Amino acid sequence: MKITKLVFGAVLGATLATVVSWGGLYLYGALRPAGSLFDSDPQSATLFFTIWLSLAAIASMISGYFISRR
């Protein structure tokens, strides 16, 4: 049961980080409709995906830890 809670917490944290990351990117595109951020600055795509991966990894570890503690 403890491993199930750990996996559930990790998936929940990664999902939350994904929603926040892609939601922020979507809002940026909606507020600045002049063109794609990735087309105007190719390095920003690398930065975005690096931040997204890092945020998802950190959020899944933290969420998995807190949910499995109970």
PDB file of N, CA and C in Angstrom:
ATOM      1  N   MET A   1       0.825  -1.195   0.000  1.00  0.00           N
ATOM      2  CA  MET A   1       0.000   0.000   0.000  1.00  0.00           C
ATOM      3  C   MET A   1       0.867   1.255   0.000  1.00  0.00           C
ATOM      4  N   LYS A   2       2.006   1.185   0.678  1.00  0.00           N
ATOM      5  CA  LYS A   2       2.869   2.358   0.755  1.00  0.00           C
ATOM      6  C   LYS A   2       3.455   2.710  -0.616  1.00  0.00           C
ATOM      7  N   ILE A   3       3.806   1.690  -1.419  1.00  0.00           N
ATOM      8  CA  ILE A   3       4.358   1.963  -2.742  1.00  0.00           C
ATOM      9  C   ILE A   3       3.291   2.573  -3.654  1.00  0.00           C
ATOM     10  N   THR A   4       2.047   2.170  -3.475  1.00  0.00           N
ATOM     11  CA  THR A   4       0.958   2.745  -4.259  1.00  0.00           C
ATOM     12  C   THR A   4       0.793   4.226  -3.940  1.00  0.00           C
ATOM     13  N   LYS A   5       0.869   4.564  -2.668  1.00  0.00           N
ATOM     14  CA  LYS A   5       0.779   5.970  -2.275  1.00  0.00           C
ATOM     15  C   LYS A   5       1.950   6.768  -2.837  1.00  0.00           C
ATOM     16  N   LEU A   6       3.130   6.176  -2.819  1.00  0.00           N
ATOM     17  CA  LEU A   6       4.318   6.845  -3.336  1.00  0.00           C
ATOM     18  C   LEU A   6       4.194   7.105  -4.834  1.00  0.00           C
ATOM     19  N   VAL A   7       3.755   6.108  -5.578  1.00  0.00           N
ATOM     20  CA  VAL A   7       3.584   6.267  -7.028  1.00  0.00           C
ATOM     21  C   VAL A   7       2.483   7.279  -7.324  1.00  0.00           C
ATOM     22  N   PHE A   8       1.378   7.199  -6.590  1.00  0.00           N
ATOM     23  CA  PHE A   8       0.290   8.156  -6.782  1.00  0.00           C
ATOM     24  C   PHE A   8       0.759   9.584  -6.511  1.00  0.00           C
ATOM     25  N   GLY A   9       1.516   9.773  -5.463  1.00  0.00           N
ATOM     26  CA  GLY A   9       2.034  11.101  -5.139  1.00  0.00           C
ATOM     27  C   GLY A   9       2.987  11.615  -6.196  1.00  0.00           C
ATOM     28  N   ALA A  10       3.835  10.740  -6.714  1.00  0.00           N
ATOM     29  CA  ALA A  10       4.779  11.147  -7.755  1.00  0.00           C
ATOM     30  C   ALA A  10       4.048  11.540  -9.033  1.00  0.00           C
ATOM     31  N   VAL A  11       3.054  10.757  -9.408  1.00  0.00           N
ATOM     32  CA  VAL A  11       2.273  11.077 -10.608  1.00  0.00           C
ATOM     33  C   VAL A  11       1.495  12.370 -10.403  1.00  0.00           C
ATOM     34  N   LEU A  12       0.940  12.556  -9.233  1.00  0.00           N
ATOM     35  CA  LEU A  12       0.201  13.779  -8.932  1.00  0.00           C
ATOM     36  C   LEU A  12       1.108  15.005  -9.002  1.00  0.00           C
ATOM     37  N   GLY A  13       2.293  14.910  -8.443  1.00  0.00           N
ATOM     38  CA  GLY A  13       3.233  16.027  -8.487  1.00  0.00           C
ATOM     39  C   GLY A  13       3.686  16.346  -9.897  1.00  0.00           C
ATOM     40  N   ALA A  14       3.984  15.323 -10.685  1.00  0.00           N
ATOM     41  CA  ALA A  14       4.406  15.540 -12.071  1.00  0.00           C
ATOM     42  C   ALA A  14       3.276  16.137 -12.902  1.00  0.00           C
ATOM     43  N   THR A  15       2.056  15.688 -12.657  1.00  0.00           N
ATOM     44  CA  THR A  15       0.904  16.231 -13.375  1.00  0.00           C
ATOM     45  C   THR A  15       0.684  17.696 -13.019  1.00  0.00           C
ATOM     46  N   LEU A  16       0.790  18.019 -11.764  1.00  0.00           N
ATOM     47  CA  LEU A  16       0.624  19.407 -11.333  1.00  0.00           C
ATOM     48  C   LEU A  16       1.703  20.303 -11.933  1.00  0.00           C
ATOM     49  N   ALA A  17       2.935  19.835 -11.949  1.00  0.00           N
ATOM     50  CA  ALA A  17       4.023  20.610 -12.549  1.00  0.00           C
ATOM     51  C   ALA A  17       3.809  20.794 -14.043  1.00  0.00           C
ATOM     52  N   THR A  18       3.282  19.780 -14.707  1.00  0.00           N
ATOM     53  CA  THR A  18       3.007  19.870 -16.138  1.00  0.00           C
ATOM     54  C   THR A  18       1.911  20.885 -16.419  1.00  0.00           C
ATOM     55  N   VAL A  19       0.856  20.855 -15.624  1.00  0.00           N
ATOM     56  CA  VAL A  19      -0.239  21.810 -15.808  1.00  0.00           C
ATOM     57  C   VAL A  19       0.253  23.237 -15.597  1.00  0.00           C
ATOM     58  N   VAL A  20       1.065  23.447 -14.576  1.00  0.00           N
ATOM     59  CA  VAL A  20       1.593  24.790 -14.302  1.00  0.00           C
ATOM     60  C   VAL A  20       2.516  25.249 -15.432  1.00  0.00           C
ATOM     61  N   SER A  21       3.400  24.381 -15.886  1.00  0.00           N
ATOM     62  CA  SER A  21       4.361  24.756 -16.929  1.00  0.00           C
ATOM     63  C   SER A  21       3.671  25.059 -18.252  1.00  0.00           C
ATOM     64  N   TRP A  22       2.843  24.133 -18.700  1.00  0.00           N
ATOM     65  CA  TRP A  22       2.183  24.336 -19.989  1.00  0.00           C
ATOM     66  C   TRP A  22       1.107  25.414 -19.896  1.00  0.00           C
ATOM     67  N   GLY A  23       0.481  25.554 -18.740  1.00  0.00           N
ATOM     68  CA  GLY A  23      -0.484  26.643 -18.558  1.00  0.00           C
ATOM     69  C   GLY A  23       0.185  27.999 -18.648  1.00  0.00           C
ATOM     70  N   GLY A  24       1.360  28.116 -18.043  1.00  0.00           N
ATOM     71  CA  GLY A  24       2.114  29.368 -18.145  1.00  0.00           C
ATOM     72  C   GLY A  24       2.536  29.663 -19.566  1.00  0.00           C
ATOM     73  N   LEU A  25       2.968  28.636 -20.289  1.00  0.00           N
ATOM     74  CA  LEU A  25       3.354  28.825 -21.688  1.00  0.00           C
ATOM     75  C   LEU A  25       2.148  29.213 -22.533  1.00  0.00           C
ATOM     76  N   TYR A  26       1.005  28.596 -22.272  1.00  0.00           N
ATOM     77  CA  TYR A  26      -0.217  28.929 -22.997  1.00  0.00           C
ATOM     78  C   TYR A  26      -0.653  30.364 -22.708  1.00  0.00           C
ATOM     79  N   LEU A  27      -0.598  30.773 -21.444  1.00  0.00           N
ATOM     80  CA  LEU A  27      -0.956  32.153 -21.105  1.00  0.00           C
ATOM     81  C   LEU A  27      -0.002  33.151 -21.749  1.00  0.00           C
ATOM     82  N   TYR A  28       1.273  32.815 -21.790  1.00  0.00           N
ATOM     83  CA  TYR A  28       2.248  33.689 -22.440  1.00  0.00           C
ATOM     84  C   TYR A  28       1.907  33.846 -23.920  1.00  0.00           C
ATOM     85  N   GLY A  29       1.523  32.753 -24.560  1.00  0.00           N
ATOM     86  CA  GLY A  29       1.145  32.811 -25.972  1.00  0.00           C
ATOM     87  C   GLY A  29      -0.153  33.570 -26.184  1.00  0.00           C
ATOM     88  N   ALA A  30      -1.096  33.453 -25.247  1.00  0.00           N
ATOM     89  CA  ALA A  30      -2.370  34.154 -25.381  1.00  0.00           C
ATOM     90  C   ALA A  30      -2.206  35.651 -25.137  1.00  0.00           C
ATOM     91  N   LEU A  31      -1.313  36.018 -24.241  1.00  0.00           N
ATOM     92  CA  LEU A  31      -1.110  37.433 -23.955  1.00  0.00           C
ATOM     93  C   LEU A  31      -0.194  38.103 -24.972  1.00  0.00           C
ATOM     94  N   ARG A  32       0.578  37.306 -25.686  1.00  0.00           N
ATOM     95  CA  ARG A  32       1.507  37.844 -26.678  1.00  0.00           C
ATOM     96  C   ARG A  32       1.305  37.090 -27.993  1.00  0.00           C
ATOM     97  N   PRO A  33       0.240  37.423 -28.735  1.00  0.00           N
ATOM     98  CA  PRO A  33      -0.094  36.639 -29.930  1.00  0.00           C
ATOM     99  C   PRO A  33       0.738  36.973 -31.169  1.00  0.00           C
ATOM    100  N   ALA A  34       1.826  37.692 -31.030  1.00  0.00           N
ATOM    101  CA  ALA A  34       2.611  38.121 -32.190  1.00  0.00           C
ATOM    102  C   ALA A  34       3.356  36.969 -32.861  1.00  0.00           C
ATOM    103  N   GLY A  35       3.470  35.842 -32.238  1.00  0.00           N
ATOM    104  CA  GLY A  35       4.179  34.702 -32.817  1.00  0.00           C
ATOM    105  C   GLY A  35       4.615  33.748 -31.734  1.00  0.00           C
ATOM    106  N   SER A  36       5.111  32.618 -32.166  1.00  0.00           N
ATOM    107  CA  SER A  36       5.540  31.598 -31.220  1.00  0.00           C
ATOM    108  C   SER A  36       6.830  32.014 -30.526  1.00  0.00           C
ATOM    109  N   LEU A  37       6.893  31.790 -29.253  1.00  0.00           N
ATOM    110  CA  LEU A  37       8.102  32.082 -28.487  1.00  0.00           C
ATOM    111  C   LEU A  37       9.250  31.209 -28.961  1.00  0.00           C
ATOM    112  N   PHE A  38       8.950  29.963 -29.298  1.00  0.00           N
ATOM    113  CA  PHE A  38       9.996  29.045 -29.735  1.00  0.00           C
ATOM    114  C   PHE A  38      10.538  29.418 -31.111  1.00  0.00           C
ATOM    115  N   ASP A  39       9.697  30.017 -31.971  1.00  0.00           N
ATOM    116  CA  ASP A  39      10.166  30.455 -33.290  1.00  0.00           C
ATOM    117  C   ASP A  39      11.037  31.698 -33.189  1.00  0.00           C
ATOM    118  N   SER A  40      10.670  32.603 -32.292  1.00  0.00           N
ATOM    119  CA  SER A  40      11.424  33.852 -32.175  1.00  0.00           C
ATOM    120  C   SER A  40      12.753  33.667 -31.453  1.00  0.00           C
ATOM    121  N   ASP A  41      12.817  32.722 -30.536  1.00  0.00           N
ATOM    122  CA  ASP A  41      14.056  32.460 -29.800  1.00  0.00           C
ATOM    123  C   ASP A  41      14.192  30.952 -29.579  1.00  0.00           C
ATOM    124  N   PRO A  42      14.942  30.263 -30.442  1.00  0.00           N
ATOM    125  CA  PRO A  42      15.050  28.800 -30.331  1.00  0.00           C
ATOM    126  C   PRO A  42      15.637  28.322 -28.999  1.00  0.00           C
ATOM    127  N   GLN A  43      16.452  29.124 -28.357  1.00  0.00           N
ATOM    128  CA  GLN A  43      17.040  28.720 -27.080  1.00  0.00           C
ATOM    129  C   GLN A  43      15.979  28.669 -25.975  1.00  0.00           C
ATOM    130  N   SER A  44      14.895  29.409 -26.155  1.00  0.00           N
ATOM    131  CA  SER A  44      13.844  29.400 -25.142  1.00  0.00           C
ATOM    132  C   SER A  44      13.150  28.041 -25.064  1.00  0.00           C
ATOM    133  N   ALA A  45      13.103  27.304 -26.165  1.00  0.00           N
ATOM    134  CA  ALA A  45      12.514  25.960 -26.131  1.00  0.00           C
ATOM    135  C   ALA A  45      13.339  25.044 -25.234  1.00  0.00           C
ATOM    136  N   THR A  46      14.638  25.103 -25.382  1.00  0.00           N
ATOM    137  CA  THR A  46      15.518  24.291 -24.543  1.00  0.00           C
ATOM    138  C   THR A  46      15.363  24.675 -23.080  1.00  0.00           C
ATOM    139  N   LEU A  47      15.308  25.962 -22.815  1.00  0.00           N
ATOM    140  CA  LEU A  47      15.143  26.442 -21.444  1.00  0.00           C
ATOM    141  C   LEU A  47      13.804  25.993 -20.862  1.00  0.00           C
ATOM    142  N   PHE A  48      12.731  26.111 -21.651  1.00  0.00           N
ATOM    143  CA  PHE A  48      11.408  25.712 -21.177  1.00  0.00           C
ATOM    144  C   PHE A  48      11.371  24.227 -20.831  1.00  0.00           C
ATOM    145  N   PHE A  49      11.871  23.384 -21.731  1.00  0.00           N
ATOM    146  CA  PHE A  49      11.815  21.945 -21.482  1.00  0.00           C
ATOM    147  C   PHE A  49      12.717  21.528 -20.323  1.00  0.00           C
ATOM    148  N   THR A  50      13.823  22.226 -20.139  1.00  0.00           N
ATOM    149  CA  THR A  50      14.697  21.947 -18.996  1.00  0.00           C
ATOM    150  C   THR A  50      14.002  22.306 -17.686  1.00  0.00           C
ATOM    151  N   ILE A  51      13.376  23.469 -17.656  1.00  0.00           N
ATOM    152  CA  ILE A  51      12.651  23.898 -16.454  1.00  0.00           C
ATOM    153  C   ILE A  51      11.466  22.974 -16.189  1.00  0.00           C
ATOM    154  N   TRP A  52      10.753  22.585 -17.247  1.00  0.00           N
ATOM    155  CA  TRP A  52       9.606  21.696 -17.093  1.00  0.00           C
ATOM    156  C   TRP A  52      10.037  20.347 -16.515  1.00  0.00           C
ATOM    157  N   LEU A  53      11.098  19.766 -17.055  1.00  0.00           N
ATOM    158  CA  LEU A  53      11.585  18.483 -16.556  1.00  0.00           C
ATOM    159  C   LEU A  53      12.046  18.594 -15.105  1.00  0.00           C
ATOM    160  N   SER A  54      12.765  19.660 -14.793  1.00  0.00           N
ATOM    161  CA  SER A  54      13.247  19.852 -13.418  1.00  0.00           C
ATOM    162  C   SER A  54      12.091  20.045 -12.446  1.00  0.00           C
ATOM    163  N   LEU A  55      11.135  20.885 -12.841  1.00  0.00           N
ATOM    164  CA  LEU A  55       9.977  21.143 -11.984  1.00  0.00           C
ATOM    165  C   LEU A  55       9.153  19.873 -11.780  1.00  0.00           C
ATOM    166  N   ALA A  56       8.973  19.092 -12.829  1.00  0.00           N
ATOM    167  CA  ALA A  56       8.212  17.845 -12.706  1.00  0.00           C
ATOM    168  C   ALA A  56       8.929  16.854 -11.794  1.00  0.00           C
ATOM    169  N   ALA A  57      10.248  16.754 -11.922  1.00  0.00           N
ATOM    170  CA  ALA A  57      11.008  15.826 -11.074  1.00  0.00           C
ATOM    171  C   ALA A  57      10.958  16.248  -9.609  1.00  0.00           C
ATOM    172  N   ILE A  58      11.154  17.524  -9.352  1.00  0.00           N
ATOM    173  CA  ILE A  58      11.136  18.024  -7.974  1.00  0.00           C
ATOM    174  C   ILE A  58       9.744  17.886  -7.367  1.00  0.00           C
ATOM    175  N   ALA A  59       8.710  18.255  -8.143  1.00  0.00           N
ATOM    176  CA  ALA A  59       7.339  18.169  -7.633  1.00  0.00           C
ATOM    177  C   ALA A  59       6.939  16.729  -7.364  1.00  0.00           C
ATOM    178  N   SER A  60       7.376  15.784  -8.215  1.00  0.00           N
ATOM    179  CA  SER A  60       7.008  14.397  -7.950  1.00  0.00           C
ATOM    180  C   SER A  60       7.709  13.839  -6.733  1.00  0.00           C
ATOM    181  N   MET A  61       8.945  14.238  -6.510  1.00  0.00           N
ATOM    182  CA  MET A  61       9.641  13.770  -5.303  1.00  0.00           C
ATOM    183  C   MET A  61       8.994  14.335  -4.041  1.00  0.00           C
ATOM    184  N   ILE A  62       8.696  15.620  -4.053  1.00  0.00           N
ATOM    185  CA  ILE A  62       8.094  16.252  -2.876  1.00  0.00           C
ATOM    186  C   ILE A  62       6.700  15.691  -2.615  1.00  0.00           C
ATOM    187  N   SER A  63       5.892  15.597  -3.666  1.00  0.00           N
ATOM    188  CA  SER A  63       4.533  15.088  -3.502  1.00  0.00           C
ATOM    189  C   SER A  63       4.535  13.625  -3.064  1.00  0.00           C
ATOM    190  N   GLY A  64       5.391  12.827  -3.666  1.00  0.00           N
ATOM    191  CA  GLY A  64       5.493  11.425  -3.259  1.00  0.00           C
ATOM    192  C   GLY A  64       5.917  11.280  -1.811  1.00  0.00           C
ATOM    193  N   TYR A  65       6.834  12.120  -1.377  1.00  0.00           N
ATOM    194  CA  TYR A  65       7.301  12.079   0.012  1.00  0.00           C
ATOM    195  C   TYR A  65       6.174  12.427   0.979  1.00  0.00           C
ATOM    196  N   PHE A  66       5.460  13.532   0.698  1.00  0.00           N
ATOM    197  CA  PHE A  66       4.424  13.965   1.632  1.00  0.00           C
ATOM    198  C   PHE A  66       3.226  13.023   1.661  1.00  0.00           C
ATOM    199  N   ILE A  67       2.863  12.461   0.522  1.00  0.00           N
ATOM    200  CA  ILE A  67       1.721  11.548   0.515  1.00  0.00           C
ATOM    201  C   ILE A  67       2.082  10.222   1.181  1.00  0.00           C
ATOM    202  N   SER A  68       3.314   9.749   0.989  1.00  0.00           N
ATOM    203  CA  SER A  68       3.689   8.459   1.582  1.00  0.00           C
ATOM    204  C   SER A  68       3.962   8.561   3.085  1.00  0.00           C
ATOM    205  N   ARG A  69       4.123   9.761   3.608  1.00  0.00           N
ATOM    206  CA  ARG A  69       4.360   9.933   5.052  1.00  0.00           C
ATOM    207  C   ARG A  69       3.143   9.581   5.876  1.00  0.00           C
ATOM    208  N   ARG A  70       1.979   9.733   5.352  1.00  0.00           N
ATOM    209  CA  ARG A  70       0.744   9.513   6.121  1.00  0.00           C
ATOM    210  C   ARG A  70       0.485   8.077   6.382  1.00  0.00           C
TER     211      ARG A  70
END
